[in-house]
Amino acid sequence: MSLLRIRGLNQSYGGSHTLWDIDLDVAVGTRLCLMGRNGTGKTTLLKCIMGLIPVTSGEITFDGMDLRSLPAESRARLGVGYVPQGREIFPQLTVEENLKIGLTARQDRHRSIPAQVFELFPVLKQMLQRRGGDLSGGQQQQLAMGRALVLEPRLLILDEATEGIQPNIVQEIGDIILRLNRETGVTVLLVEQKLPFARRVASDFQILDKGRSVGGGSIGELSDDDISQHLSV
């Protein structure tokens, strides 16, 4: 059963047609990796899902509900957690304040940071009163993920979660994604350039090339031909 379903999605930016007739199914409980070279439309697709940029045509449904009719903040309230590329934390606010901003999108108006966030990211508990801008890149990424997880989302969307992160934190982020999926059943949609990370973390993949979907399947079906044709730089 698809938790997120996209059909015939088109998006244009200025005079440029960026996404062409995209179909995508993210089944409940899966970890789907969107793959492709830089500039192929991966981040654009995530922003369309989140309502951050307008869609020209097509359907986006979450658990059967039409997302296109909802503003961005309402999509989060349905249980969609989003970790954008570049993290976009608030550098002048403390770690605690950054996490509490995420709470404002909860539908149940719960105002306490879930204990699970600190179980997954103990460093955040140690640094609650430190400003976000004073954290290392890896710690900021953990904060961005923690902010999305205070929603206790049903779907977690991660855009380049390992970009610019030291290898030990990359390993940790992979562990956390797998643990969340296994223990809470959260469905994951991620954009990832690091092939070893994608193979380890994803259950399924879909490749975008020049704004079009050109293939997909279970991660074990990702072939050398797919890699050389659509992923190699």
Protein backbone atom coordinates (compact mmCIF):
# COMPACT_ATOMS: atom_id res chain seq x y z
CA MET A 1 0.00 0.00 0.00
CA SER A 2 1.37 3.43 -0.97
CA LEU A 3 1.70 6.01 1.79
CA LEU A 4 2.88 8.62 -0.72
CA ARG A 5 1.63 8.45 -4.30
CA ILE A 6 2.56 10.80 -7.14
CA ARG A 7 1.05 10.66 -10.61
CA GLY A 8 1.87 12.70 -13.71
CA LEU A 9 3.68 15.42 -11.78
CA ASN A 10 4.97 18.36 -13.81
CA GLN A 11 6.76 21.42 -12.48
CA SER A 12 8.05 24.51 -14.26
CA TYR A 13 10.35 27.18 -12.89
CA GLY A 14 10.34 30.41 -14.85
CA GLY A 15 10.54 29.30 -18.47
CA SER A 16 12.17 25.99 -17.56
CA HIS A 17 10.26 22.69 -17.33
CA THR A 18 11.99 20.94 -14.41
CA LEU A 19 9.89 17.80 -13.74
CA TRP A 20 8.22 15.77 -16.47
CA ASP A 21 5.30 13.39 -15.77
CA ILE A 22 6.80 11.93 -12.58
CA ASP A 23 5.15 8.85 -11.09
CA LEU A 24 6.33 7.73 -7.65
CA ASP A 25 5.03 5.27 -5.07
CA VAL A 26 6.48 5.12 -1.57
CA ALA A 27 4.98 2.09 0.12
CA VAL A 28 4.25 1.99 3.86
CA GLY A 29 7.32 0.97 5.83
CA THR A 30 9.82 1.23 2.97
CA ARG A 31 12.96 3.34 2.60
CA LEU A 32 13.03 4.73 -0.92
CA CYS A 33 16.09 6.57 -2.23
CA LEU A 34 15.73 9.15 -5.01
CA MET A 35 18.94 9.01 -7.02
CA GLY A 36 20.45 10.96 -9.89
CA ARG A 37 23.18 13.41 -10.73
CA ASN A 38 23.09 17.01 -9.50
CA GLY A 39 20.44 19.13 -11.19
CA THR A 40 18.13 16.28 -12.19
CA GLY A 41 15.15 17.48 -10.11
CA LYS A 42 15.44 15.49 -6.88
CA THR A 43 15.27 18.43 -4.47
CA THR A 44 12.61 20.07 -6.64
CA LEU A 45 10.45 16.96 -6.29
CA LEU A 46 10.80 16.98 -2.50
CA LYS A 47 9.86 20.67 -2.37
CA CYS A 48 6.77 19.92 -4.47
CA ILE A 49 5.77 17.20 -2.00
CA MET A 50 6.18 19.62 0.90
CA GLY A 51 4.28 22.44 -0.85
CA LEU A 52 7.29 24.75 -0.89
CA ILE A 53 7.11 25.33 -4.65
CA PRO A 54 4.05 25.19 -6.91
CA VAL A 55 3.18 22.22 -9.10
CA THR A 56 2.11 22.74 -12.70
CA SER A 57 0.01 19.58 -12.97
CA GLY A 58 -0.37 16.10 -11.54
CA GLU A 59 -1.42 14.43 -8.28
CA ILE A 60 0.27 14.10 -4.88
CA THR A 61 -1.55 12.05 -2.25
CA PHE A 62 -0.51 11.09 1.28
CA ASP A 63 -2.44 8.18 2.76
CA GLY A 64 -5.13 8.89 0.16
CA MET A 65 -5.38 12.61 0.97
CA ASP A 66 -4.80 15.18 -1.76
CA LEU A 67 -1.76 17.22 -0.71
CA ARG A 68 -1.97 19.74 -3.52
CA SER A 69 -4.94 21.41 -1.87
CA LEU A 70 -3.05 21.87 1.43
CA PRO A 71 -0.55 24.58 2.44
CA ALA A 72 2.93 23.48 3.49
CA GLU A 73 2.29 23.74 7.25
CA SER A 74 -0.75 21.46 6.97
CA ARG A 75 1.35 18.77 5.25
CA ALA A 76 3.64 18.63 8.27
CA ARG A 77 0.62 18.27 10.57
CA LEU A 78 -0.46 15.17 8.65
CA GLY A 79 2.78 13.51 9.79
CA VAL A 80 5.36 14.42 7.16
CA GLY A 81 8.77 15.27 8.64
CA TYR A 82 11.18 17.12 6.32
CA VAL A 83 14.93 17.61 6.69
CA PRO A 84 15.94 20.00 3.90
CA GLN A 85 19.26 20.13 2.11
CA GLY A 86 21.60 22.44 4.00
CA ARG A 87 19.77 21.64 7.28
CA GLU A 88 18.23 25.15 7.67
CA ILE A 89 18.37 25.23 11.45
CA PHE A 90 18.04 28.58 13.23
CA PRO A 91 21.66 29.45 14.14
CA GLN A 92 20.80 32.12 16.73
CA LEU A 93 18.35 29.91 18.61
CA THR A 94 19.35 27.25 21.12
CA VAL A 95 19.10 23.55 20.39
CA GLU A 96 16.03 23.39 22.65
CA GLU A 97 14.36 26.31 20.85
CA ASN A 98 15.05 24.73 17.45
CA LEU A 99 13.45 21.48 18.58
CA LYS A 100 10.42 23.26 20.08
CA ILE A 101 9.80 25.07 16.79
CA GLY A 102 9.24 21.62 15.27
CA LEU A 103 6.60 20.92 17.92
CA THR A 104 4.39 23.72 16.59
CA ALA A 105 3.54 21.54 13.58
CA ARG A 106 2.14 18.68 15.69
CA GLN A 107 -1.55 18.06 15.13
CA ASP A 108 -2.12 16.95 18.74
CA ARG A 109 -0.64 20.19 20.17
CA HIS A 110 1.79 18.15 22.31
CA ARG A 111 4.43 20.59 23.54
CA SER A 112 7.12 18.36 25.06
CA ILE A 113 10.10 17.09 23.07
CA PRO A 114 9.61 13.30 22.74
CA ALA A 115 12.14 11.29 24.75
CA GLN A 116 12.95 9.27 21.63
CA VAL A 117 14.71 12.31 20.09
CA PHE A 118 17.27 12.31 22.93
CA GLU A 119 17.59 8.52 22.85
CA LEU A 120 18.53 8.74 19.17
CA PHE A 121 20.65 11.89 19.52
CA PRO A 122 22.08 12.04 23.06
CA VAL A 123 24.41 14.88 22.00
CA LEU A 124 21.35 17.15 21.62
CA LYS A 125 20.39 16.63 25.26
CA GLN A 126 23.90 17.61 26.33
CA MET A 127 23.75 20.79 24.21
CA LEU A 128 20.19 21.99 24.81
CA GLN A 129 21.26 25.54 25.72
CA ARG A 130 23.94 25.87 23.04
CA ARG A 131 23.13 27.95 19.97
CA GLY A 132 22.50 25.98 16.80
CA GLY A 133 25.11 27.97 14.91
CA ASP A 134 27.80 26.87 17.38
CA LEU A 135 27.32 23.16 16.62
CA SER A 136 29.51 21.21 14.22
CA GLY A 137 28.10 20.25 10.82
CA GLY A 138 27.33 16.73 12.01
CA GLN A 139 25.63 18.00 15.16
CA GLN A 140 23.57 20.47 13.11
CA GLN A 141 22.42 17.59 10.90
CA GLN A 142 21.37 15.65 13.98
CA LEU A 143 19.50 18.74 15.20
CA ALA A 144 17.72 19.08 11.85
CA MET A 145 16.69 15.42 12.02
CA GLY A 146 15.63 15.79 15.65
CA ARG A 147 13.47 18.80 14.73
CA ALA A 148 11.68 16.69 12.09
CA LEU A 149 11.29 13.77 14.50
CA VAL A 150 9.56 15.77 17.24
CA LEU A 151 6.52 15.43 14.97
CA GLU A 152 6.76 11.64 15.37
CA PRO A 153 6.16 11.52 11.61
CA ARG A 154 4.74 8.71 9.56
CA LEU A 155 6.89 9.78 6.60
CA LEU A 156 10.42 11.16 7.04
CA ILE A 157 11.89 13.01 4.04
CA LEU A 158 15.66 13.57 4.04
CA ASP A 159 17.44 15.66 1.41
CA GLU A 160 21.19 14.87 1.27
CA ALA A 161 21.43 14.04 4.98
CA THR A 162 25.10 13.02 4.66
CA GLU A 163 26.32 16.05 2.70
CA GLY A 164 29.44 17.57 4.25
CA ILE A 165 29.29 15.24 7.27
CA GLN A 166 32.26 13.40 8.79
CA PRO A 167 32.25 9.60 8.15
CA ASN A 168 31.49 8.52 11.74
CA ILE A 169 28.35 10.71 11.79
CA VAL A 170 27.35 9.41 8.34
CA GLN A 171 27.47 5.89 9.81
CA GLU A 172 25.43 7.03 12.80
CA ILE A 173 22.77 8.68 10.63
CA GLY A 174 22.42 5.46 8.63
CA ASP A 175 22.03 3.48 11.85
CA ILE A 176 19.34 5.89 13.08
CA ILE A 177 17.34 5.73 9.84
CA LEU A 178 17.36 1.93 9.93
CA ARG A 179 16.47 1.85 13.62
CA LEU A 180 13.58 4.29 13.20
CA ASN A 181 12.21 2.31 10.29
CA ARG A 182 12.54 -1.00 12.14
CA GLU A 183 11.29 0.12 15.57
CA THR A 184 8.62 2.71 14.74
CA GLY A 185 7.66 1.73 11.19
CA VAL A 186 8.34 5.23 9.86
CA THR A 187 8.46 5.32 6.06
CA VAL A 188 11.53 7.07 4.63
CA LEU A 189 12.07 9.00 1.39
CA LEU A 190 15.64 10.17 0.97
CA VAL A 191 17.79 11.88 -1.62
CA GLU A 192 21.34 10.59 -1.43
CA GLN A 193 24.45 10.86 -3.59
CA LYS A 194 26.69 8.47 -1.63
CA LEU A 195 26.15 5.10 -3.28
CA PRO A 196 27.42 2.91 -0.38
CA PHE A 197 25.10 4.76 2.03
CA ALA A 198 22.15 4.37 -0.33
CA ARG A 199 22.79 0.65 -0.77
CA ARG A 200 23.02 0.18 2.98
CA VAL A 201 20.03 2.26 4.05
CA ALA A 202 17.47 2.10 1.22
CA SER A 203 15.11 -0.75 0.48
CA ASP A 204 14.10 0.69 -2.91
CA PHE A 205 15.32 3.29 -5.40
CA GLN A 206 14.11 5.54 -8.17
CA ILE A 207 16.40 7.39 -10.58
CA LEU A 208 15.71 10.84 -12.01
CA ASP A 209 17.51 12.09 -15.10
CA LYS A 210 16.82 15.52 -16.61
CA GLY A 211 13.59 15.78 -14.65
CA ARG A 212 12.24 12.40 -15.72
CA SER A 213 11.96 9.08 -13.94
CA VAL A 214 14.18 6.60 -15.79
CA GLY A 215 14.08 3.52 -13.59
CA GLY A 216 13.61 2.04 -10.17
CA GLY A 217 13.04 -1.07 -8.13
CA SER A 218 14.42 -2.76 -5.04
CA ILE A 219 17.89 -1.53 -4.09
CA GLY A 220 19.33 -4.96 -4.90
CA GLU A 221 18.27 -4.43 -8.51
CA LEU A 222 20.40 -1.29 -8.92
CA SER A 223 22.72 -2.37 -11.71
CA ASP A 224 26.19 -1.32 -12.84
CA ASP A 225 24.53 -0.10 -16.04
CA ASP A 226 22.16 2.11 -14.04
CA ILE A 227 25.12 3.55 -12.16
CA SER A 228 27.30 4.25 -15.21
CA GLN A 229 24.42 5.66 -17.27
CA HIS A 230 22.68 7.84 -14.69
CA LEU A 231 24.77 8.22 -11.54
CA SER A 232 28.46 8.32 -12.40
CA VAL A 233 30.01 11.78 -12.61
